């Protein structure tokens, strides 16, 4: 290299704007959790289906569906833990499990709607207190 050569860092190009299709599928990835009202276990199955279908074609939608899947698995595990706690205390634990379960349900419902709205805006949303089980 001579004294006249200068190295200029390459600026990374700005991220491409998300297509409507990708934002819509990200929205569906979050809202698919509400299929739990129909099937019972749909809170996990809905986001799983969206993630499996779109993981190779739409990266943003795939990431958001995976985030929704991890969150719903975490919430399902928390509900199972509350149920087991109630069983282990011979039903007395319901006095503690019931209010915690109601608060958990409200948090699940609200956070799912917030995540869906953010995804529809094209903003990646990360749920709080989520185990990242699916990588």
N, C-alpha and C. Protein backbone atom coordinates (compact mmCIF):
# COMPACT_ATOMS: atom_id res chain seq x y z
N UNK A 1 0.83 -1.18 0.00
CA UNK A 1 0.00 0.00 0.00
C UNK A 1 0.87 1.23 0.00
N UNK A 2 0.51 2.19 -0.76
CA UNK A 2 1.28 3.44 -0.79
C UNK A 2 0.66 4.44 0.17
N UNK A 3 1.32 5.56 0.33
CA UNK A 3 0.83 6.59 1.23
C UNK A 3 -0.43 7.25 0.71
N UNK A 4 -0.66 7.17 -0.58
CA UNK A 4 -1.82 7.83 -1.18
C UNK A 4 -3.09 6.99 -1.09
N UNK A 5 -2.94 5.70 -0.80
CA UNK A 5 -4.12 4.83 -0.71
C UNK A 5 -4.83 5.08 0.62
N UNK A 6 -6.09 5.27 0.53
CA UNK A 6 -6.88 5.43 1.75
C UNK A 6 -7.96 4.36 1.76
N UNK A 7 -8.25 3.94 2.92
CA UNK A 7 -9.28 2.92 3.08
C UNK A 7 -10.52 3.62 3.60
N UNK A 8 -11.58 3.51 2.85
CA UNK A 8 -12.84 4.10 3.30
C UNK A 8 -13.77 2.95 3.67
N UNK A 9 -14.34 3.04 4.83
CA UNK A 9 -15.25 1.95 5.23
C UNK A 9 -16.50 1.96 4.36
N UNK A 10 -16.94 0.77 4.06
CA UNK A 10 -18.15 0.62 3.27
C UNK A 10 -19.35 0.80 4.19
N UNK A 11 -20.20 1.72 3.83
CA UNK A 11 -21.43 1.91 4.61
C UNK A 11 -22.43 0.84 4.21
N UNK A 12 -23.06 0.26 5.20
CA UNK A 12 -24.05 -0.77 4.88
C UNK A 12 -25.30 -0.10 4.34
N UNK A 13 -25.91 -0.72 3.35
CA UNK A 13 -27.10 -0.12 2.76
C UNK A 13 -28.24 -0.14 3.78
N UNK A 14 -29.13 0.84 3.70
CA UNK A 14 -30.26 0.84 4.64
C UNK A 14 -31.14 -0.38 4.38
N UNK A 15 -31.78 -0.88 5.43
CA UNK A 15 -32.63 -2.05 5.23
C UNK A 15 -33.78 -1.75 4.29
N UNK A 16 -34.10 -2.72 3.48
CA UNK A 16 -35.19 -2.55 2.53
C UNK A 16 -36.52 -2.49 3.29
N UNK A 17 -37.42 -1.63 2.84
CA UNK A 17 -38.72 -1.59 3.52
C UNK A 17 -39.45 -2.92 3.36
N UNK A 18 -40.19 -3.28 4.39
CA UNK A 18 -40.91 -4.55 4.37
C UNK A 18 -42.13 -4.45 3.46
N UNK A 19 -42.40 -5.54 2.78
CA UNK A 19 -43.58 -5.57 1.92
C UNK A 19 -44.83 -5.75 2.78
N UNK A 20 -45.96 -5.39 2.19
CA UNK A 20 -47.24 -5.58 2.89
C UNK A 20 -47.47 -7.04 3.21
N UNK A 21 -47.06 -7.91 2.29
CA UNK A 21 -47.24 -9.35 2.49
C UNK A 21 -46.46 -9.83 3.72
N UNK A 22 -45.23 -9.35 3.85
CA UNK A 22 -44.40 -9.77 4.98
C UNK A 22 -44.96 -9.25 6.30
N UNK A 23 -45.40 -7.99 6.32
CA UNK A 23 -45.99 -7.44 7.54
C UNK A 23 -47.29 -8.15 7.90
N UNK A 24 -48.09 -8.50 6.88
CA UNK A 24 -49.35 -9.20 7.14
C UNK A 24 -49.10 -10.57 7.73
N UNK A 25 -48.12 -11.31 7.19
CA UNK A 25 -47.82 -12.63 7.73
C UNK A 25 -47.23 -12.55 9.13
N UNK A 26 -46.48 -11.48 9.42
CA UNK A 26 -45.97 -11.29 10.78
C UNK A 26 -47.14 -11.04 11.74
N UNK A 27 -48.10 -10.25 11.30
CA UNK A 27 -49.32 -9.99 12.08
C UNK A 27 -50.06 -11.29 12.33
N UNK A 28 -50.22 -12.10 11.31
CA UNK A 28 -50.91 -13.39 11.44
C UNK A 28 -50.13 -14.31 12.38
N UNK A 29 -48.81 -14.25 12.32
CA UNK A 29 -48.00 -15.08 13.21
C UNK A 29 -48.30 -14.82 14.68
N UNK A 30 -48.54 -13.56 15.02
CA UNK A 30 -48.89 -13.22 16.41
C UNK A 30 -50.34 -13.54 16.71
N UNK A 31 -51.24 -13.14 15.82
CA UNK A 31 -52.67 -13.33 16.08
C UNK A 31 -53.10 -14.80 15.98
N UNK A 32 -52.28 -15.64 15.37
CA UNK A 32 -52.61 -17.07 15.28
C UNK A 32 -52.70 -17.70 16.66
N UNK A 33 -52.10 -17.07 17.65
CA UNK A 33 -52.18 -17.58 19.02
C UNK A 33 -53.62 -17.56 19.54
N UNK A 34 -54.44 -16.69 19.01
CA UNK A 34 -55.83 -16.63 19.44
C UNK A 34 -56.66 -17.81 18.95
N UNK A 35 -56.07 -18.66 18.13
CA UNK A 35 -56.78 -19.89 17.75
C UNK A 35 -56.92 -20.81 18.95
N UNK A 36 -56.28 -20.47 20.05
CA UNK A 36 -56.43 -21.23 21.30
C UNK A 36 -57.86 -21.18 21.79
N UNK A 37 -58.59 -20.13 21.45
CA UNK A 37 -59.99 -20.04 21.86
C UNK A 37 -60.84 -21.08 21.16
N UNK A 38 -60.36 -21.58 20.02
CA UNK A 38 -61.11 -22.57 19.25
C UNK A 38 -60.61 -23.98 19.55
N UNK A 39 -59.29 -24.16 19.55
CA UNK A 39 -58.72 -25.50 19.66
C UNK A 39 -58.16 -25.85 21.03
N UNK A 40 -57.91 -24.88 21.87
CA UNK A 40 -57.33 -25.15 23.17
C UNK A 40 -55.81 -25.06 23.16
N UNK A 41 -55.15 -25.78 22.28
CA UNK A 41 -53.69 -25.77 22.20
C UNK A 41 -53.21 -24.89 21.03
N UNK A 42 -54.12 -24.22 20.40
CA UNK A 42 -53.79 -23.40 19.23
C UNK A 42 -52.84 -22.27 19.49
N UNK A 43 -52.67 -21.89 20.75
CA UNK A 43 -51.74 -20.81 21.05
C UNK A 43 -50.32 -21.18 20.63
N UNK A 44 -50.00 -22.46 20.59
CA UNK A 44 -48.70 -22.92 20.13
C UNK A 44 -48.76 -23.35 18.67
N UNK A 45 -49.83 -24.01 18.29
CA UNK A 45 -49.94 -24.55 16.93
C UNK A 45 -50.03 -23.43 15.88
N UNK A 46 -50.78 -22.37 16.16
CA UNK A 46 -50.95 -21.28 15.19
C UNK A 46 -49.63 -20.64 14.78
N UNK A 47 -48.87 -20.10 15.74
CA UNK A 47 -47.58 -19.51 15.37
C UNK A 47 -46.60 -20.53 14.78
N UNK A 48 -46.68 -21.79 15.23
CA UNK A 48 -45.81 -22.83 14.68
C UNK A 48 -46.08 -23.04 13.20
N UNK A 49 -47.33 -23.09 12.82
CA UNK A 49 -47.69 -23.28 11.41
C UNK A 49 -47.19 -22.11 10.57
N UNK A 50 -47.41 -20.89 11.04
CA UNK A 50 -46.94 -19.72 10.29
C UNK A 50 -45.43 -19.74 10.17
N UNK A 51 -44.74 -20.07 11.24
CA UNK A 51 -43.28 -20.11 11.19
C UNK A 51 -42.79 -21.18 10.22
N UNK A 52 -43.39 -22.37 10.26
CA UNK A 52 -42.95 -23.44 9.36
C UNK A 52 -43.24 -23.13 7.90
N UNK A 53 -44.34 -22.46 7.64
CA UNK A 53 -44.72 -22.16 6.25
C UNK A 53 -43.88 -21.02 5.67
N UNK A 54 -43.58 -20.01 6.49
CA UNK A 54 -42.95 -18.80 5.96
C UNK A 54 -41.48 -18.62 6.33
N UNK A 55 -40.87 -19.60 7.00
CA UNK A 55 -39.50 -19.39 7.47
C UNK A 55 -38.47 -19.29 6.35
N UNK A 56 -38.74 -19.85 5.19
CA UNK A 56 -37.78 -19.80 4.09
C UNK A 56 -38.02 -18.64 3.13
N UNK A 57 -39.22 -18.07 3.15
CA UNK A 57 -39.55 -17.06 2.14
C UNK A 57 -39.65 -15.64 2.70
N UNK A 58 -40.10 -15.49 3.93
CA UNK A 58 -40.28 -14.16 4.51
C UNK A 58 -39.54 -14.07 5.85
N UNK A 59 -38.34 -13.52 5.86
CA UNK A 59 -37.53 -13.53 7.09
C UNK A 59 -38.17 -12.77 8.27
N UNK A 60 -38.76 -11.61 8.02
CA UNK A 60 -39.37 -10.85 9.12
C UNK A 60 -40.57 -11.59 9.69
N UNK A 61 -41.41 -12.12 8.84
CA UNK A 61 -42.57 -12.87 9.30
C UNK A 61 -42.13 -14.13 10.04
N UNK A 62 -41.10 -14.77 9.56
CA UNK A 62 -40.57 -15.95 10.23
C UNK A 62 -40.05 -15.62 11.62
N UNK A 63 -39.30 -14.53 11.73
CA UNK A 63 -38.75 -14.12 13.02
C UNK A 63 -39.88 -13.79 14.01
N UNK A 64 -40.90 -13.10 13.55
CA UNK A 64 -42.00 -12.72 14.43
C UNK A 64 -42.86 -13.93 14.82
N UNK A 65 -43.07 -14.85 13.91
CA UNK A 65 -43.83 -16.07 14.24
C UNK A 65 -43.04 -16.92 15.24
N UNK A 66 -41.73 -16.97 15.09
CA UNK A 66 -40.89 -17.71 16.04
C UNK A 66 -40.93 -17.04 17.41
N UNK A 67 -40.92 -15.72 17.44
CA UNK A 67 -41.03 -14.99 18.70
C UNK A 67 -42.37 -15.28 19.37
N UNK A 68 -43.45 -15.28 18.58
CA UNK A 68 -44.78 -15.60 19.12
C UNK A 68 -44.83 -17.04 19.62
N UNK A 69 -44.20 -17.93 18.90
CA UNK A 69 -44.17 -19.34 19.30
C UNK A 69 -43.45 -19.49 20.65
N UNK A 70 -42.29 -18.86 20.79
CA UNK A 70 -41.56 -18.93 22.06
C UNK A 70 -42.36 -18.35 23.21
N UNK A 71 -43.02 -17.23 22.96
CA UNK A 71 -43.83 -16.61 24.02
C UNK A 71 -44.99 -17.51 24.43
N UNK A 72 -45.66 -18.10 23.46
CA UNK A 72 -46.81 -18.94 23.77
C UNK A 72 -46.40 -20.25 24.44
N UNK A 73 -45.24 -20.77 24.10
CA UNK A 73 -44.73 -21.95 24.82
C UNK A 73 -44.45 -21.57 26.27
N UNK A 74 -43.85 -20.41 26.49
CA UNK A 74 -43.55 -19.95 27.84
C UNK A 74 -44.83 -19.79 28.66
N UNK A 75 -45.85 -19.18 28.06
CA UNK A 75 -47.12 -18.98 28.77
C UNK A 75 -47.78 -20.33 29.06
N UNK A 76 -47.75 -21.24 28.09
CA UNK A 76 -48.33 -22.57 28.32
C UNK A 76 -47.62 -23.29 29.46
N UNK A 77 -46.29 -23.18 29.51
CA UNK A 77 -45.54 -23.80 30.61
C UNK A 77 -45.91 -23.18 31.96
N UNK A 78 -46.15 -21.88 31.97
CA UNK A 78 -46.55 -21.21 33.22
C UNK A 78 -47.92 -21.71 33.67
N UNK A 79 -48.85 -21.89 32.73
CA UNK A 79 -50.17 -22.41 33.10
C UNK A 79 -50.08 -23.85 33.60
N UNK A 80 -49.24 -24.65 32.97
CA UNK A 80 -49.04 -26.03 33.44
C UNK A 80 -48.44 -26.02 34.84
N UNK A 81 -47.49 -25.13 35.10
CA UNK A 81 -46.88 -25.04 36.43
C UNK A 81 -47.93 -24.64 37.48
N UNK A 82 -48.83 -23.73 37.14
CA UNK A 82 -49.89 -23.35 38.07
C UNK A 82 -50.83 -24.52 38.34
N UNK A 83 -51.13 -25.29 37.30
CA UNK A 83 -52.00 -26.46 37.46
C UNK A 83 -51.34 -27.51 38.35
N UNK A 84 -50.07 -27.77 38.11
CA UNK A 84 -49.34 -28.75 38.93
C UNK A 84 -49.25 -28.28 40.37
N UNK A 85 -49.02 -27.00 40.55
CA UNK A 85 -48.98 -26.44 41.91
C UNK A 85 -50.31 -26.66 42.63
N UNK A 86 -51.40 -26.45 41.91
CA UNK A 86 -52.73 -26.67 42.50
C UNK A 86 -52.92 -28.13 42.88
N UNK A 87 -52.47 -29.04 42.03
CA UNK A 87 -52.60 -30.46 42.33
C UNK A 87 -51.73 -30.87 43.52
N UNK A 88 -50.52 -30.36 43.56
CA UNK A 88 -49.60 -30.74 44.65
C UNK A 88 -50.06 -30.22 46.01
N UNK A 89 -50.83 -29.16 46.01
CA UNK A 89 -51.32 -28.62 47.28
C UNK A 89 -52.75 -29.10 47.57
N UNK A 90 -53.17 -30.13 46.85
CA UNK A 90 -54.49 -30.74 47.04
C UNK A 90 -55.61 -29.71 46.89
N UNK A 91 -55.44 -28.80 45.96
CA UNK A 91 -56.48 -27.83 45.65
C UNK A 91 -56.39 -26.54 46.43
N UNK A 92 -55.65 -26.51 47.49
CA UNK A 92 -55.53 -25.29 48.29
C UNK A 92 -54.76 -24.22 47.51
N UNK A 93 -53.85 -24.64 46.66
CA UNK A 93 -53.06 -23.72 45.86
C UNK A 93 -53.87 -22.92 44.87
N UNK A 94 -55.12 -23.32 44.65
CA UNK A 94 -55.97 -22.58 43.72
C UNK A 94 -56.19 -21.15 44.21
N UNK A 95 -56.10 -20.95 45.51
CA UNK A 95 -56.25 -19.60 46.06
C UNK A 95 -55.16 -18.66 45.56
N UNK A 96 -54.00 -19.20 45.27
CA UNK A 96 -52.91 -18.43 44.71
C UNK A 96 -52.85 -18.55 43.19
N UNK A 97 -53.13 -19.75 42.69
CA UNK A 97 -53.01 -20.00 41.25
C UNK A 97 -54.08 -19.26 40.44
N UNK A 98 -55.28 -19.13 40.99
CA UNK A 98 -56.36 -18.48 40.24
C UNK A 98 -56.04 -17.02 39.91
N UNK A 99 -55.69 -16.17 40.89
CA UNK A 99 -55.38 -14.78 40.54
C UNK A 99 -54.14 -14.65 39.65
N UNK A 100 -53.14 -15.50 39.88
CA UNK A 100 -51.96 -15.46 39.03
C UNK A 100 -52.32 -15.88 37.60
N UNK A 101 -53.17 -16.90 37.48
CA UNK A 101 -53.61 -17.35 36.17
C UNK A 101 -54.40 -16.29 35.42
N UNK A 102 -55.25 -15.57 36.12
CA UNK A 102 -56.02 -14.49 35.49
C UNK A 102 -55.09 -13.38 35.01
N UNK A 103 -54.13 -12.99 35.86
CA UNK A 103 -53.16 -11.96 35.48
C UNK A 103 -52.32 -12.42 34.30
N UNK A 104 -51.94 -13.69 34.29
CA UNK A 104 -51.16 -14.24 33.18
C UNK A 104 -51.97 -14.23 31.89
N UNK A 105 -53.26 -14.58 31.98
CA UNK A 105 -54.11 -14.56 30.80
C UNK A 105 -54.24 -13.14 30.24
N UNK A 106 -54.47 -12.17 31.11
CA UNK A 106 -54.61 -10.78 30.66
C UNK A 106 -53.31 -10.30 30.02
N UNK A 107 -52.18 -10.62 30.64
CA UNK A 107 -50.88 -10.24 30.08
C UNK A 107 -50.66 -10.89 28.71
N UNK A 108 -51.01 -12.18 28.59
CA UNK A 108 -50.88 -12.89 27.31
C UNK A 108 -51.73 -12.20 26.24
N UNK A 109 -52.96 -11.89 26.58
CA UNK A 109 -53.88 -11.28 25.62
C UNK A 109 -53.37 -9.90 25.17
N UNK A 110 -52.99 -9.07 26.12
CA UNK A 110 -52.55 -7.70 25.80
C UNK A 110 -51.23 -7.72 25.04
N UNK A 111 -50.26 -8.51 25.49
CA UNK A 111 -48.97 -8.54 24.82
C UNK A 111 -49.07 -9.11 23.40
N UNK A 112 -49.99 -10.05 23.19
CA UNK A 112 -50.18 -10.58 21.84
C UNK A 112 -50.73 -9.51 20.91
N UNK A 113 -51.66 -8.71 21.39
CA UNK A 113 -52.21 -7.63 20.57
C UNK A 113 -51.16 -6.56 20.30
N UNK A 114 -50.39 -6.19 21.32
CA UNK A 114 -49.33 -5.20 21.13
C UNK A 114 -48.31 -5.70 20.10
N UNK A 115 -47.91 -6.96 20.21
CA UNK A 115 -46.94 -7.53 19.26
C UNK A 115 -47.51 -7.55 17.85
N UNK A 116 -48.77 -7.88 17.71
CA UNK A 116 -49.39 -7.90 16.38
C UNK A 116 -49.41 -6.50 15.77
N UNK A 117 -49.74 -5.51 16.55
CA UNK A 117 -49.77 -4.13 16.04
C UNK A 117 -48.37 -3.68 15.64
N UNK A 118 -47.38 -3.99 16.46
CA UNK A 118 -45.99 -3.62 16.13
C UNK A 118 -45.53 -4.33 14.85
N UNK A 119 -45.86 -5.61 14.74
CA UNK A 119 -45.47 -6.35 13.54
C UNK A 119 -46.13 -5.77 12.29
N UNK A 120 -47.37 -5.33 12.42
CA UNK A 120 -48.07 -4.73 11.29
C UNK A 120 -47.44 -3.40 10.90
N UNK A 121 -46.79 -2.73 11.85
CA UNK A 121 -46.07 -1.49 11.55
C UNK A 121 -44.69 -1.76 10.95
N UNK A 122 -44.26 -3.03 10.99
CA UNK A 122 -42.95 -3.39 10.48
C UNK A 122 -41.86 -3.32 11.52
N UNK A 123 -42.24 -3.26 12.79
CA UNK A 123 -41.28 -3.18 13.89
C UNK A 123 -41.17 -4.55 14.53
N UNK A 124 -39.95 -5.03 14.68
CA UNK A 124 -39.74 -6.33 15.32
C UNK A 124 -40.04 -6.21 16.81
N UNK A 125 -40.88 -7.07 17.32
CA UNK A 125 -41.29 -7.03 18.72
C UNK A 125 -40.71 -8.22 19.47
N UNK A 126 -40.16 -7.95 20.65
CA UNK A 126 -39.63 -9.01 21.52
C UNK A 126 -40.48 -9.04 22.77
N UNK A 127 -41.10 -10.18 23.02
CA UNK A 127 -41.92 -10.33 24.22
C UNK A 127 -41.04 -10.34 25.46
N UNK A 128 -41.50 -9.72 26.55
CA UNK A 128 -40.73 -9.79 27.79
C UNK A 128 -40.92 -11.14 28.49
N UNK A 129 -39.97 -11.52 29.30
CA UNK A 129 -40.03 -12.73 30.12
C UNK A 129 -40.29 -14.00 29.31
N UNK A 130 -39.64 -14.12 28.18
CA UNK A 130 -39.88 -15.24 27.28
C UNK A 130 -38.67 -16.16 27.24
N UNK A 131 -38.93 -17.46 27.37
CA UNK A 131 -37.87 -18.46 27.16
C UNK A 131 -37.68 -18.62 25.67
N UNK A 132 -36.48 -18.49 25.19
CA UNK A 132 -36.19 -18.64 23.76
C UNK A 132 -35.84 -20.10 23.50
N UNK A 133 -36.86 -20.93 23.41
CA UNK A 133 -36.67 -22.36 23.23
C UNK A 133 -36.47 -22.75 21.77
N UNK A 134 -37.16 -22.06 20.88
CA UNK A 134 -37.04 -22.31 19.45
C UNK A 134 -36.05 -21.30 18.90
N UNK A 135 -34.96 -21.80 18.36
CA UNK A 135 -33.89 -20.90 17.87
C UNK A 135 -34.02 -20.64 16.40
